[in-house]
Amino acid sequence: MKNALRYYLCLWILICYASCAKVDQFFTFTITNESTIRIPATGPIDSAFAISSPDITTNSSEAFANNNTDAGHVKNIHLKSMELNITSPPGQTFDFLKSVHVYISTNSSNEIQLAYLDSIPQGVDSIALIPTQSALDQYVKAPSYNLRAEAVLRQGLTQDVNVDINSKFSVTANL
């Protein structure tokens, strides 16, 4: 009788514990950020150049709230895609570029590589970069970040070129 009572008591405790145990429910959503950079005219060909974006406001707190989570519940953030689109001058293509590498940093975080493309096709005004698999939590959770591009030129630029940068970040969080 005592053994049966102990058995049922243990079973009841296990059932109660299992019903009270916290279950993490992870979900994924996307944060989109856009910015514009101006590539200055280079005149005759320069082999390489670097250019930085102005600070990009992340609005991540708002994106987290819209997805019923907060920065404390974010488990990881990775770059999903990055696209560069020439907006001016009209008819300009990326023919002037051989390769481009984009880096991300904040005032309190070291710079890391974000995306790249080593062989840029000619005749296009839009390119999709290859994302690295770097963890970007500290960068996207920050109020703002900075992008820096290092590029190798194929030919010089006779006029300034404006480029839109469209970044999509994949965020995994729990409720």
Protein backbone atom coordinates (compact mmCIF):
# COMPACT_ATOMS: atom_id res chain seq x y z
CA MET A 1 0.00 0.00 0.00
CA LYS A 2 2.82 2.42 0.91
CA ASN A 3 4.62 1.66 -2.37
CA ALA A 4 1.48 2.31 -4.42
CA LEU A 5 0.93 5.58 -2.55
CA ARG A 6 4.54 6.64 -3.18
CA TYR A 7 4.20 5.70 -6.86
CA TYR A 8 1.03 7.79 -7.31
CA LEU A 9 2.51 10.70 -5.36
CA CYS A 10 5.63 10.68 -7.55
CA LEU A 11 3.48 10.42 -10.66
CA TRP A 12 1.32 13.34 -9.50
CA ILE A 13 4.43 15.48 -8.79
CA LEU A 14 5.84 14.71 -12.25
CA ILE A 15 2.56 15.62 -13.94
CA CYS A 16 2.34 18.88 -11.99
CA TYR A 17 5.97 19.73 -12.81
CA ALA A 18 5.53 18.98 -16.50
CA SER A 19 2.39 21.11 -16.74
CA CYS A 20 4.20 24.07 -15.11
CA ALA A 21 7.43 23.80 -17.09
CA LYS A 22 8.13 26.75 -19.37
CA VAL A 23 8.14 25.90 -23.07
CA ASP A 24 10.12 28.23 -25.33
CA GLN A 25 8.25 29.03 -28.52
CA PHE A 26 10.64 30.46 -31.11
CA PHE A 27 9.51 32.34 -34.18
CA THR A 28 11.24 34.23 -36.96
CA PHE A 29 10.47 37.62 -38.49
CA THR A 30 12.24 40.10 -40.76
CA ILE A 31 13.51 43.61 -40.07
CA THR A 32 14.09 45.76 -43.15
CA ASN A 33 16.44 48.76 -43.17
CA GLU A 34 17.12 51.11 -46.06
CA SER A 35 19.79 53.73 -46.55
CA THR A 36 21.48 55.65 -49.35
CA ILE A 37 25.14 56.29 -50.03
CA ARG A 38 26.78 58.62 -52.52
CA ILE A 39 29.82 57.31 -54.36
CA PRO A 40 31.88 60.32 -55.40
CA ALA A 41 33.28 60.72 -58.91
CA THR A 42 36.78 59.30 -59.08
CA GLY A 43 38.07 60.77 -62.31
CA PRO A 44 40.64 58.40 -63.78
CA ILE A 45 40.58 54.89 -62.44
CA ASP A 46 41.50 54.37 -58.82
CA SER A 47 42.03 50.76 -57.90
CA ALA A 48 40.08 50.82 -54.63
CA PHE A 49 38.03 53.07 -52.38
CA ALA A 50 36.14 52.96 -49.12
CA ILE A 51 32.95 54.84 -48.28
CA SER A 52 30.81 54.96 -45.14
CA SER A 53 27.10 55.45 -44.78
CA PRO A 54 25.60 57.93 -42.40
CA ASP A 55 24.33 56.30 -39.19
CA ILE A 56 21.35 54.06 -39.97
CA THR A 57 18.57 54.10 -37.40
CA THR A 58 17.47 50.52 -36.73
CA ASN A 59 13.97 51.02 -35.27
CA SER A 60 14.53 47.51 -33.89
CA SER A 61 12.63 48.20 -30.66
CA GLU A 62 9.55 49.05 -32.71
CA ALA A 63 10.00 45.96 -34.89
CA PHE A 64 10.37 43.77 -31.79
CA ALA A 65 7.21 45.27 -30.24
CA ASN A 66 5.28 44.78 -33.51
CA ASN A 67 6.21 41.09 -33.27
CA ASN A 68 5.26 40.74 -29.58
CA THR A 69 8.81 40.40 -28.31
CA ASP A 70 11.69 42.57 -27.07
CA ALA A 71 15.47 42.70 -27.34
CA GLY A 72 15.84 40.45 -24.28
CA HIS A 73 13.97 37.63 -26.03
CA VAL A 74 15.91 37.81 -29.32
CA LYS A 75 18.01 34.67 -29.76
CA ASN A 76 19.84 35.53 -32.99
CA ILE A 77 19.89 37.95 -35.90
CA HIS A 78 21.48 37.26 -39.30
CA LEU A 79 21.55 39.13 -42.59
CA LYS A 80 18.96 37.57 -44.87
CA SER A 81 19.69 39.71 -47.94
CA MET A 82 21.36 42.93 -49.06
CA GLU A 83 20.64 44.57 -52.38
CA LEU A 84 22.33 47.62 -53.88
CA ASN A 85 20.34 49.68 -56.41
CA ILE A 86 21.64 52.66 -58.37
CA THR A 87 19.13 55.53 -58.19
CA SER A 88 21.10 58.20 -60.07
CA PRO A 89 22.37 59.23 -62.51
CA PRO A 90 19.84 57.71 -64.92
CA GLY A 91 21.25 54.83 -66.96
CA GLN A 92 24.25 54.28 -64.64
CA THR A 93 25.23 50.63 -64.11
CA PHE A 94 27.65 48.88 -61.77
CA ASP A 95 30.14 48.45 -64.64
CA PHE A 96 32.61 50.60 -62.68
CA LEU A 97 32.89 47.98 -59.89
CA LYS A 98 34.87 44.73 -59.82
CA SER A 99 33.99 43.81 -56.23
CA VAL A 100 32.46 45.19 -53.05
CA HIS A 101 32.65 44.18 -49.38
CA VAL A 102 30.30 45.74 -46.81
CA TYR A 103 31.09 45.98 -43.10
CA ILE A 104 28.86 46.88 -40.13
CA SER A 105 29.77 48.60 -36.85
CA THR A 106 28.28 50.57 -33.97
CA ASN A 107 29.86 53.05 -31.58
CA SER A 108 30.25 50.24 -29.04
CA SER A 109 30.91 47.20 -31.30
CA ASN A 110 33.79 46.17 -33.50
CA GLU A 111 33.42 46.23 -37.26
CA ILE A 112 32.64 42.90 -38.94
CA GLN A 113 31.99 41.90 -42.53
CA LEU A 114 28.29 41.86 -43.39
CA ALA A 115 28.08 40.99 -47.10
CA TYR A 116 30.17 40.89 -50.28
CA LEU A 117 30.23 40.24 -54.01
CA ASP A 118 33.60 39.51 -55.62
CA SER A 119 32.53 39.34 -59.25
CA ILE A 120 30.04 42.05 -60.16
CA PRO A 121 28.26 41.47 -63.48
CA GLN A 122 28.31 44.22 -66.06
CA GLY A 123 25.29 46.04 -67.43
CA VAL A 124 23.18 45.88 -64.26
CA ASP A 125 21.94 48.67 -61.98
CA SER A 126 21.01 46.32 -59.12
CA ILE A 127 23.12 43.67 -57.39
CA ALA A 128 22.43 41.20 -54.58
CA LEU A 129 25.34 40.72 -52.20
CA ILE A 130 26.21 37.45 -50.50
CA PRO A 131 25.46 37.65 -46.74
CA THR A 132 28.00 36.37 -44.25
CA GLN A 133 26.68 34.17 -41.46
CA SER A 134 27.84 36.57 -38.75
CA ALA A 135 25.71 36.99 -35.63
CA LEU A 136 24.36 40.53 -35.78
CA ASP A 137 22.41 40.78 -32.52
CA GLN A 138 24.48 43.58 -30.98
CA TYR A 139 24.37 45.62 -34.21
CA VAL A 140 20.65 45.42 -35.01
CA LYS A 141 19.59 45.76 -31.36
CA ALA A 142 21.54 49.02 -31.16
CA PRO A 143 19.71 52.30 -31.86
CA SER A 144 21.84 52.77 -34.99
CA TYR A 145 24.71 51.26 -36.93
CA ASN A 146 27.10 52.30 -39.67
CA LEU A 147 27.91 50.55 -42.93
CA ARG A 148 31.28 50.86 -44.65
CA ALA A 149 31.92 49.58 -48.15
CA GLU A 150 35.30 48.70 -49.61
CA ALA A 151 35.25 48.38 -53.38
CA VAL A 152 37.67 47.62 -56.16
CA LEU A 153 37.03 49.66 -59.29
CA ARG A 154 36.99 48.38 -62.82
CA GLN A 155 36.90 51.93 -64.26
CA GLY A 156 36.73 55.50 -63.00
CA LEU A 157 33.53 57.45 -62.34
CA THR A 158 32.98 60.78 -64.08
CA GLN A 159 30.04 61.76 -61.84
CA ASP A 160 28.66 60.95 -58.39
CA VAL A 161 26.50 57.82 -58.12
CA ASN A 162 23.68 57.40 -55.57
CA VAL A 163 23.06 53.86 -54.36
CA ASP A 164 20.18 52.59 -52.21
CA ILE A 165 21.08 49.82 -49.77
CA ASN A 166 18.19 47.52 -48.86
CA SER A 167 18.99 45.14 -45.99
CA LYS A 168 16.76 42.42 -44.58
CA PHE A 169 17.63 40.83 -41.27
CA SER A 170 16.20 37.52 -40.07
CA VAL A 171 15.36 37.65 -36.36
CA THR A 172 14.68 34.58 -34.22
CA ALA A 173 13.04 35.31 -30.87
CA ASN A 174 10.69 33.85 -28.32
CA LEU A 175 7.54 35.32 -26.84
